Amino acid sequence: NKSIDWDDKYLYTWENGSPTLGNWPGIKMNWDKEEGNYYVYYYDFPGNWSGRTINYIINNGNGGSGNQTQDLSVTLTGTSMTVIIETGHLQ
């Protein structure tokens, strides 16, 4: 989703009901680049997490209704894993 009003992008992750990258709101995602009408942010997961299925929410760091995605999940594969989001707002 475009997150027009979000200044920052945070990645909150959990596995088996426990946070994996710290408590809410999670870890601030890294700015990558502008691409067309989108701005790209990313987070690099450790290579030793390969094979794990991680649940995650992308949020604006402030909480509240409308300031986060739905619950998502990804199965990490390979020696380097990156989650990339594209938004309509540049930090």
PDB file of N, CA and C in Angstrom:
ATOM      1  N   ASN A   1       0.833  -1.195   0.000  1.00  0.00           N
ATOM      2  CA  ASN A   1       0.000   0.000   0.000  1.00  0.00           C
ATOM      3  C   ASN A   1       0.867   1.244   0.000  1.00  0.00           C
ATOM      4  N   LYS A   2       0.372   2.296  -0.656  1.00  0.00           N
ATOM      5  CA  LYS A   2       1.029   3.590  -0.517  1.00  0.00           C
ATOM      6  C   LYS A   2       0.764   4.082   0.894  1.00  0.00           C
ATOM      7  N   SER A   3       1.775   4.595   1.519  1.00  0.00           N
ATOM      8  CA  SER A   3       1.631   5.094   2.887  1.00  0.00           C
ATOM      9  C   SER A   3       1.963   6.576   2.905  1.00  0.00           C
ATOM     10  N   ILE A   4       1.126   7.359   2.279  1.00  0.00           N
ATOM     11  CA  ILE A   4       1.373   8.772   2.037  1.00  0.00           C
ATOM     12  C   ILE A   4       1.756   9.528   3.316  1.00  0.00           C
ATOM     13  N   ASP A   5       1.074   9.251   4.417  1.00  0.00           N
ATOM     14  CA  ASP A   5       1.285  10.036   5.624  1.00  0.00           C
ATOM     15  C   ASP A   5       2.297   9.431   6.587  1.00  0.00           C
ATOM     16  N   TRP A   6       3.045   8.429   6.179  1.00  0.00           N
ATOM     17  CA  TRP A   6       4.030   7.810   7.066  1.00  0.00           C
ATOM     18  C   TRP A   6       5.391   8.444   6.828  1.00  0.00           C
ATOM     19  N   ASP A   7       5.984   8.989   7.866  1.00  0.00           N
ATOM     20  CA  ASP A   7       7.322   9.558   7.733  1.00  0.00           C
ATOM     21  C   ASP A   7       8.397   8.479   7.814  1.00  0.00           C
ATOM     22  N   ASP A   8       8.194   7.490   8.672  1.00  0.00           N
ATOM     23  CA  ASP A   8       9.155   6.405   8.837  1.00  0.00           C
ATOM     24  C   ASP A   8       8.469   5.078   8.588  1.00  0.00           C
ATOM     25  N   LYS A   9       9.261   4.065   8.257  1.00  0.00           N
ATOM     26  CA  LYS A   9       8.740   2.710   8.052  1.00  0.00           C
ATOM     27  C   LYS A   9       9.444   1.789   9.038  1.00  0.00           C
ATOM     28  N   TYR A  10       8.659   1.069   9.822  1.00  0.00           N
ATOM     29  CA  TYR A  10       9.201   0.130  10.807  1.00  0.00           C
ATOM     30  C   TYR A  10       8.742  -1.276  10.472  1.00  0.00           C
ATOM     31  N   LEU A  11       9.596  -2.235  10.766  1.00  0.00           N
ATOM     32  CA  LEU A  11       9.319  -3.642  10.529  1.00  0.00           C
ATOM     33  C   LEU A  11       9.245  -4.346  11.877  1.00  0.00           C
ATOM     34  N   TYR A  12       8.043  -4.795  12.240  1.00  0.00           N
ATOM     35  CA  TYR A  12       7.858  -5.576  13.470  1.00  0.00           C
ATOM     36  C   TYR A  12       7.693  -7.027  13.057  1.00  0.00           C
ATOM     37  N   THR A  13       8.484  -7.921  13.638  1.00  0.00           N
ATOM     38  CA  THR A  13       8.436  -9.337  13.264  1.00  0.00           C
ATOM     39  C   THR A  13       8.234 -10.202  14.495  1.00  0.00           C
ATOM     40  N   TRP A  14       7.605 -11.353  14.270  1.00  0.00           N
ATOM     41  CA  TRP A  14       7.452 -12.326  15.346  1.00  0.00           C
ATOM     42  C   TRP A  14       7.410 -13.732  14.768  1.00  0.00           C
ATOM     43  N   GLU A  15       7.731 -14.677  15.638  1.00  0.00           N
ATOM     44  CA  GLU A  15       7.751 -16.089  15.280  1.00  0.00           C
ATOM     45  C   GLU A  15       7.293 -16.848  16.518  1.00  0.00           C
ATOM     46  N   ASN A  16       6.317 -17.730  16.341  1.00  0.00           N
ATOM     47  CA  ASN A  16       5.763 -18.506  17.461  1.00  0.00           C
ATOM     48  C   ASN A  16       5.314 -17.604  18.617  1.00  0.00           C
ATOM     49  N   GLY A  17       4.745 -16.451  18.288  1.00  0.00           N
ATOM     50  CA  GLY A  17       4.201 -15.543  19.286  1.00  0.00           C
ATOM     51  C   GLY A  17       5.200 -14.641  19.984  1.00  0.00           C
ATOM     52  N   SER A  18       6.483 -14.750  19.648  1.00  0.00           N
ATOM     53  CA  SER A  18       7.512 -13.929  20.302  1.00  0.00           C
ATOM     54  C   SER A  18       8.170 -12.984  19.301  1.00  0.00           C
ATOM     55  N   PRO A  19       8.419 -11.724  19.700  1.00  0.00           N
ATOM     56  CA  PRO A  19       9.104 -10.786  18.804  1.00  0.00           C
ATOM     57  C   PRO A  19      10.494 -11.314  18.430  1.00  0.00           C
ATOM     58  N   THR A  20      10.899 -11.078  17.192  1.00  0.00           N
ATOM     59  CA  THR A  20      12.215 -11.544  16.750  1.00  0.00           C
ATOM     60  C   THR A  20      13.198 -10.402  16.522  1.00  0.00           C
ATOM     61  N   LEU A  21      12.713  -9.181  16.331  1.00  0.00           N
ATOM     62  CA  LEU A  21      13.598  -8.024  16.123  1.00  0.00           C
ATOM     63  C   LEU A  21      13.323  -6.932  17.147  1.00  0.00           C
ATOM     64  N   GLY A  22      12.898  -7.313  18.328  1.00  0.00           N
ATOM     65  CA  GLY A  22      12.592  -6.331  19.354  1.00  0.00           C
ATOM     66  C   GLY A  22      11.106  -6.055  19.459  1.00  0.00           C
ATOM     67  N   ASN A  23      10.746  -5.337  20.503  1.00  0.00           N
ATOM     68  CA  ASN A  23       9.347  -5.023  20.768  1.00  0.00           C
ATOM     69  C   ASN A  23       8.819  -3.972  19.794  1.00  0.00           C
ATOM     70  N   TRP A  24       7.505  -3.782  19.827  1.00  0.00           N
ATOM     71  CA  TRP A  24       6.811  -2.819  18.973  1.00  0.00           C
ATOM     72  C   TRP A  24       7.429  -1.446  19.140  1.00  0.00           C
ATOM     73  N   PRO A  25       7.684  -0.684  18.101  1.00  0.00           N
ATOM     74  CA  PRO A  25       7.205  -0.884  16.731  1.00  0.00           C
ATOM     75  C   PRO A  25       8.145  -1.703  15.850  1.00  0.00           C
ATOM     76  N   GLY A  26       9.218  -2.226  16.408  1.00  0.00           N
ATOM     77  CA  GLY A  26      10.160  -3.020  15.621  1.00  0.00           C
ATOM     78  C   GLY A  26      11.376  -2.197  15.246  1.00  0.00           C
ATOM     79  N   ILE A  27      11.975  -2.562  14.125  1.00  0.00           N
ATOM     80  CA  ILE A  27      13.213  -1.930  13.682  1.00  0.00           C
ATOM     81  C   ILE A  27      12.925  -1.012  12.493  1.00  0.00           C
ATOM     82  N   LYS A  28      13.564   0.153  12.500  1.00  0.00           N
ATOM     83  CA  LYS A  28      13.358   1.107  11.409  1.00  0.00           C
ATOM     84  C   LYS A  28      13.954   0.534  10.122  1.00  0.00           C
ATOM     85  N   MET A  29      13.171   0.602   9.053  1.00  0.00           N
ATOM     86  CA  MET A  29      13.645   0.097   7.771  1.00  0.00           C
ATOM     87  C   MET A  29      14.592   1.100   7.130  1.00  0.00           C
ATOM     88  N   ASN A  30      15.439   0.616   6.239  1.00  0.00           N
ATOM     89  CA  ASN A  30      16.440   1.438   5.566  1.00  0.00           C
ATOM     90  C   ASN A  30      15.885   2.022   4.273  1.00  0.00           C
ATOM     91  N   TRP A  31      16.230   3.270   4.012  1.00  0.00           N
ATOM     92  CA  TRP A  31      15.884   3.929   2.755  1.00  0.00           C
ATOM     93  C   TRP A  31      16.777   3.370   1.655  1.00  0.00           C
ATOM     94  N   ASP A  32      16.203   3.070   0.500  1.00  0.00           N
ATOM     95  CA  ASP A  32      16.986   2.554  -0.611  1.00  0.00           C
ATOM     96  C   ASP A  32      17.053   3.569  -1.739  1.00  0.00           C
ATOM     97  N   LYS A  33      15.902   3.811  -2.384  1.00  0.00           N
ATOM     98  CA  LYS A  33      15.935   4.657  -3.578  1.00  0.00           C
ATOM     99  C   LYS A  33      14.532   5.099  -3.957  1.00  0.00           C
ATOM    100  N   GLU A  34      14.495   6.041  -4.860  1.00  0.00           N
ATOM    101  CA  GLU A  34      13.245   6.438  -5.492  1.00  0.00           C
ATOM    102  C   GLU A  34      13.152   5.675  -6.803  1.00  0.00           C
ATOM    103  N   GLU A  35      11.993   5.092  -7.055  1.00  0.00           N
ATOM    104  CA  GLU A  35      11.808   4.303  -8.272  1.00  0.00           C
ATOM    105  C   GLU A  35      10.439   4.620  -8.849  1.00  0.00           C
ATOM    106  N   GLY A  36      10.402   5.424  -9.909  1.00  0.00           N
ATOM    107  CA  GLY A  36       9.122   5.826 -10.482  1.00  0.00           C
ATOM    108  C   GLY A  36       8.325   6.649  -9.483  1.00  0.00           C
ATOM    109  N   ASN A  37       7.092   6.241  -9.225  1.00  0.00           N
ATOM    110  CA  ASN A  37       6.227   6.937  -8.271  1.00  0.00           C
ATOM    111  C   ASN A  37       6.365   6.386  -6.859  1.00  0.00           C
ATOM    112  N   TYR A  38       7.370   5.567  -6.610  1.00  0.00           N
ATOM    113  CA  TYR A  38       7.519   4.919  -5.313  1.00  0.00           C
ATOM    114  C   TYR A  38       8.869   5.215  -4.690  1.00  0.00           C
ATOM    115  N   TYR A  39       8.917   5.047  -3.387  1.00  0.00           N
ATOM    116  CA  TYR A  39      10.136   5.153  -2.619  1.00  0.00           C
ATOM    117  C   TYR A  39      10.358   3.791  -1.974  1.00  0.00           C
ATOM    118  N   VAL A  40      11.545   3.255  -2.087  1.00  0.00           N
ATOM    119  CA  VAL A  40      11.812   1.879  -1.687  1.00  0.00           C
ATOM    120  C   VAL A  40      12.600   1.855  -0.372  1.00  0.00           C
ATOM    121  N   TYR A  41      12.090   1.069   0.586  1.00  0.00           N
ATOM    122  CA  TYR A  41      12.744   0.832   1.873  1.00  0.00           C
ATOM    123  C   TYR A  41      13.014  -0.663   1.987  1.00  0.00           C
ATOM    124  N   TYR A  42      13.983  -1.048   2.819  1.00  0.00           N
ATOM    125  CA  TYR A  42      14.305  -2.468   2.927  1.00  0.00           C
ATOM    126  C   TYR A  42      14.821  -2.815   4.316  1.00  0.00           C
ATOM    127  N   TYR A  43      14.841  -4.104   4.581  1.00  0.00           N
ATOM    128  CA  TYR A  43      15.498  -4.645   5.767  1.00  0.00           C
ATOM    129  C   TYR A  43      16.169  -5.952   5.367  1.00  0.00           C
ATOM    130  N   ASP A  44      17.430  -6.123   5.726  1.00  0.00           N
ATOM    131  CA  ASP A  44      18.174  -7.350   5.442  1.00  0.00           C
ATOM    132  C   ASP A  44      18.095  -8.281   6.642  1.00  0.00           C
ATOM    133  N   PHE A  45      17.511  -9.450   6.451  1.00  0.00           N
ATOM    134  CA  PHE A  45      17.479 -10.461   7.508  1.00  0.00           C
ATOM    135  C   PHE A  45      18.809 -11.208   7.542  1.00  0.00           C
ATOM    136  N   PRO A  46      19.223 -11.671   8.716  1.00  0.00           N
ATOM    137  CA  PRO A  46      20.462 -12.447   8.801  1.00  0.00           C
ATOM    138  C   PRO A  46      20.392 -13.724   7.952  1.00  0.00           C
ATOM    139  N   GLY A  47      21.489 -14.079   7.329  1.00  0.00           N
ATOM    140  CA  GLY A  47      21.529 -15.270   6.484  1.00  0.00           C
ATOM    141  C   GLY A  47      21.224 -16.552   7.230  1.00  0.00           C
ATOM    142  N   ASN A  48      21.516 -16.589   8.540  1.00  0.00           N
ATOM    143  CA  ASN A  48      21.258 -17.818   9.292  1.00  0.00           C
ATOM    144  C   ASN A  48      19.776 -17.992   9.641  1.00  0.00           C
ATOM    145  N   TRP A  49      18.922 -17.084   9.199  1.00  0.00           N
ATOM    146  CA  TRP A  49      17.472 -17.229   9.383  1.00  0.00           C
ATOM    147  C   TRP A  49      16.839 -18.001   8.226  1.00  0.00           C
ATOM    148  N   SER A  50      17.617 -18.458   7.277  1.00  0.00           N
ATOM    149  CA  SER A  50      17.085 -19.173   6.116  1.00  0.00           C
ATOM    150  C   SER A  50      16.232 -20.358   6.561  1.00  0.00           C
ATOM    151  N   GLY A  51      15.096 -20.511   5.930  1.00  0.00           N
ATOM    152  CA  GLY A  51      14.177 -21.600   6.232  1.00  0.00           C
ATOM    153  C   GLY A  51      13.111 -21.233   7.253  1.00  0.00           C
ATOM    154  N   ARG A  52      13.271 -20.125   7.940  1.00  0.00           N
ATOM    155  CA  ARG A  52      12.292 -19.699   8.940  1.00  0.00           C
ATOM    156  C   ARG A  52      11.139 -18.949   8.266  1.00  0.00           C
ATOM    157  N   THR A  53       9.942 -19.131   8.794  1.00  0.00           N
ATOM    158  CA  THR A  53       8.789 -18.348   8.356  1.00  0.00           C
ATOM    159  C   THR A  53       8.557 -17.267   9.396  1.00  0.00           C
ATOM    160  N   ILE A  54       8.657 -16.031   8.959  1.00  0.00           N
ATOM    161  CA  ILE A  54       8.565 -14.875   9.840  1.00  0.00           C
ATOM    162  C   ILE A  54       7.267 -14.126   9.564  1.00  0.00           C
ATOM    163  N   ASN A  55       6.531 -13.836  10.610  1.00  0.00           N
ATOM    164  CA  ASN A  55       5.356 -12.983  10.510  1.00  0.00           C
ATOM    165  C   ASN A  55       5.807 -11.543  10.687  1.00  0.00           C
ATOM    166  N   TYR A  56       5.180 -10.618   9.969  1.00  0.00           N
ATOM    167  CA  TYR A  56       5.609  -9.236  10.106  1.00  0.00           C
ATOM    168  C   TYR A  56       4.490  -8.246   9.808  1.00  0.00           C
ATOM    169  N   ILE A  57       4.677  -7.051  10.348  1.00  0.00           N
ATOM    170  CA  ILE A  57       3.805  -5.906  10.110  1.00  0.00           C
ATOM    171  C   ILE A  57       4.718  -4.734   9.795  1.00  0.00           C
ATOM    172  N   ILE A  58       4.379  -3.968   8.779  1.00  0.00           N
ATOM    173  CA  ILE A  58       5.086  -2.729   8.494  1.00  0.00           C
ATOM    174  C   ILE A  58       4.222  -1.605   9.055  1.00  0.00           C
ATOM    175  N   ASN A  59       4.834  -0.711   9.832  1.00  0.00           N
ATOM    176  CA  ASN A  59       4.059   0.335  10.487  1.00  0.00           C
ATOM    177  C   ASN A  59       4.836   1.650  10.479  1.00  0.00           C
ATOM    178  N   ASN A  60       4.169   2.714  10.949  1.00  0.00           N
ATOM    179  CA  ASN A  60       4.792   4.039  10.933  1.00  0.00           C
ATOM    180  C   ASN A  60       5.494   4.387  12.232  1.00  0.00           C
ATOM    181  N   GLY A  61       5.543   3.459  13.177  1.00  0.00           N
ATOM    182  CA  GLY A  61       6.235   3.691  14.430  1.00  0.00           C
ATOM    183  C   GLY A  61       5.410   4.372  15.505  1.00  0.00           C
ATOM    184  N   ASN A  62       4.196   4.805  15.150  1.00  0.00           N
ATOM    185  CA  ASN A  62       3.365   5.534  16.104  1.00  0.00           C
ATOM    186  C   ASN A  62       2.153   4.759  16.580  1.00  0.00           C
ATOM    187  N   GLY A  63       1.856   3.621  15.958  1.00  0.00           N
ATOM    188  CA  GLY A  63       0.684   2.846  16.354  1.00  0.00           C
ATOM    189  C   GLY A  63      -0.605   3.519  15.909  1.00  0.00           C
ATOM    190  N   GLY A  64      -1.710   2.987  16.364  1.00  0.00           N
ATOM    191  CA  GLY A  64      -3.006   3.550  16.015  1.00  0.00           C
ATOM    192  C   GLY A  64      -3.580   2.950  14.747  1.00  0.00           C
ATOM    193  N   SER A  65      -4.863   3.061  14.617  1.00  0.00           N
ATOM    194  CA  SER A  65      -5.585   2.506  13.477  1.00  0.00           C
ATOM    195  C   SER A  65      -5.127   3.158  12.174  1.00  0.00           C
ATOM    196  N   GLY A  66      -4.946   2.360  11.152  1.00  0.00           N
ATOM    197  CA  GLY A  66      -4.578   2.872   9.840  1.00  0.00           C
ATOM    198  C   GLY A  66      -3.098   3.150   9.672  1.00  0.00           C
ATOM    199  N   ASN A  67      -2.299   2.863  10.684  1.00  0.00           N
ATOM    200  CA  ASN A  67      -0.878   3.145  10.613  1.00  0.00           C
ATOM    201  C   ASN A  67      -0.028   1.892  10.538  1.00  0.00           C
ATOM    202  N   GLN A  68      -0.623   0.814  10.030  1.00  0.00           N
ATOM    203  CA  GLN A  68       0.132  -0.429   9.872  1.00  0.00           C
ATOM    204  C   GLN A  68      -0.535  -1.293   8.819  1.00  0.00           C
ATOM    205  N   THR A  69       0.256  -2.228   8.286  1.00  0.00           N
ATOM    206  CA  THR A  69      -0.296  -3.194   7.340  1.00  0.00           C
ATOM    207  C   THR A  69      -1.041  -4.277   8.117  1.00  0.00           C
ATOM    208  N   GLN A  70      -1.698  -5.144   7.387  1.00  0.00           N
ATOM    209  CA  GLN A  70      -2.245  -6.349   8.003  1.00  0.00           C
ATOM    210  C   GLN A  70      -1.081  -7.269   8.362  1.00  0.00           C
ATOM    211  N   ASP A  71      -1.367  -8.338   9.094  1.00  0.00           N
ATOM    212  CA  ASP A  71      -0.336  -9.331   9.403  1.00  0.00           C
ATOM    213  C   ASP A  71       0.099 -10.004   8.107  1.00  0.00           C
ATOM    214  N   LEU A  72       1.394 -10.043   7.867  1.00  0.00           N
ATOM    215  CA  LEU A  72       1.973 -10.644   6.677  1.00  0.00           C
ATOM    216  C   LEU A  72       2.961 -11.716   7.104  1.00  0.00           C
ATOM    217  N   SER A  73       3.393 -12.569   6.187  1.00  0.00           N
ATOM    218  CA  SER A  73       4.433 -13.542   6.508  1.00  0.00           C
ATOM    219  C   SER A  73       5.282 -13.818   5.278  1.00  0.00           C
ATOM    220  N   VAL A  74       6.504 -14.241   5.559  1.00  0.00           N
ATOM    221  CA  VAL A  74       7.434 -14.576   4.485  1.00  0.00           C
ATOM    222  C   VAL A  74       8.294 -15.741   4.968  1.00  0.00           C
ATOM    223  N   THR A  75       8.556 -16.691   4.058  1.00  0.00           N
ATOM    224  CA  THR A  75       9.503 -17.759   4.353  1.00  0.00           C
ATOM    225  C   THR A  75      10.833 -17.344   3.754  1.00  0.00           C
ATOM    226  N   LEU A  76      11.826 -17.245   4.600  1.00  0.00           N
ATOM    227  CA  LEU A  76      13.134 -16.768   4.172  1.00  0.00           C
ATOM    228  C   LEU A  76      13.926 -17.909   3.545  1.00  0.00           C
ATOM    229  N   THR A  77      14.560 -17.631   2.419  1.00  0.00           N
ATOM    230  CA  THR A  77      15.353 -18.640   1.717  1.00  0.00           C
ATOM    231  C   THR A  77      16.666 -18.025   1.274  1.00  0.00           C
ATOM    232  N   GLY A  78      17.693 -18.814   1.205  1.00  0.00           N
ATOM    233  CA  GLY A  78      18.981 -18.346   0.721  1.00  0.00           C
ATOM    234  C   GLY A  78      19.890 -17.873   1.844  1.00  0.00           C
ATOM    235  N   THR A  79      21.002 -17.280   1.468  1.00  0.00           N
ATOM    236  CA  THR A  79      21.969 -16.818   2.447  1.00  0.00           C
ATOM    237  C   THR A  79      21.804 -15.346   2.778  1.00  0.00           C
ATOM    238  N   SER A  80      20.997 -14.633   1.994  1.00  0.00           N
ATOM    239  CA  SER A  80      20.720 -13.226   2.262  1.00  0.00           C
ATOM    240  C   SER A  80      19.280 -12.952   1.881  1.00  0.00           C
ATOM    241  N   MET A  81      18.498 -12.435   2.803  1.00  0.00           N
ATOM    242  CA  MET A  81      17.092 -12.182   2.539  1.00  0.00           C
ATOM    243  C   MET A  81      16.777 -10.726   2.785  1.00  0.00           C
ATOM    244  N   THR A  82      16.036 -10.123   1.867  1.00  0.00           N
ATOM    245  CA  THR A  82      15.671  -8.717   1.984  1.00  0.00           C
ATOM    246  C   THR A  82      14.180  -8.577   1.799  1.00  0.00           C
ATOM    247  N   VAL A  83      13.522  -7.852   2.704  1.00  0.00           N
ATOM    248  CA  VAL A  83      12.125  -7.476   2.525  1.00  0.00           C
ATOM    249  C   VAL A  83      12.130  -6.044   2.025  1.00  0.00           C
ATOM    250  N   ILE A  84      11.476  -5.802   0.916  1.00  0.00           N
ATOM    251  CA  ILE A  84      11.430  -4.465   0.312  1.00  0.00           C
ATOM    252  C   ILE A  84       9.983  -4.013   0.275  1.00  0.00           C
ATOM    253  N   ILE A  85       9.740  -2.759   0.666  1.00  0.00           N
ATOM    254  CA  ILE A  85       8.405  -2.186   0.490  1.00  0.00           C
ATOM    255  C   ILE A  85       8.539  -0.933  -0.350  1.00  0.00           C
ATOM    256  N   GLU A  86       7.495  -0.640  -1.104  1.00  0.00           N
ATOM    257  CA  GLU A  86       7.451   0.571  -1.889  1.00  0.00           C
ATOM    258  C   GLU A  86       6.312   1.422  -1.357  1.00  0.00           C
ATOM    259  N   THR A  87       6.551   2.711  -1.162  1.00  0.00           N
ATOM    260  CA  THR A  87       5.535   3.584  -0.641  1.00  0.00           C
ATOM    261  C   THR A  87       5.471   4.844  -1.480  1.00  0.00           C
ATOM    262  N   GLY A  88       4.406   5.563  -1.328  1.00  0.00           N
ATOM    263  CA  GLY A  88       4.244   6.819  -2.070  1.00  0.00           C
ATOM    264  C   GLY A  88       4.754   8.018  -1.299  1.00  0.00           C
ATOM    265  N   HIS A  89       5.535   7.817  -0.258  1.00  0.00           N
ATOM    266  CA  HIS A  89       6.001   8.932   0.566  1.00  0.00           C
ATOM    267  C   HIS A  89       7.482   8.810   0.836  1.00  0.00           C
ATOM    268  N   LEU A  90       8.218   9.858   0.565  1.00  0.00           N
ATOM    269  CA  LEU A  90       9.647   9.894   0.834  1.00  0.00           C
ATOM    270  C   LEU A  90       9.872  10.389   2.250  1.00  0.00           C
ATOM    271  N   GLN A  91      10.711   9.707   2.983  1.00  0.00           N
ATOM    272  CA  GLN A  91      11.030  10.118   4.358  1.00  0.00           C
ATOM    273  C   GLN A  91      11.803  11.414   4.328  1.00  0.00           C
TER     274      GLN A  91
END
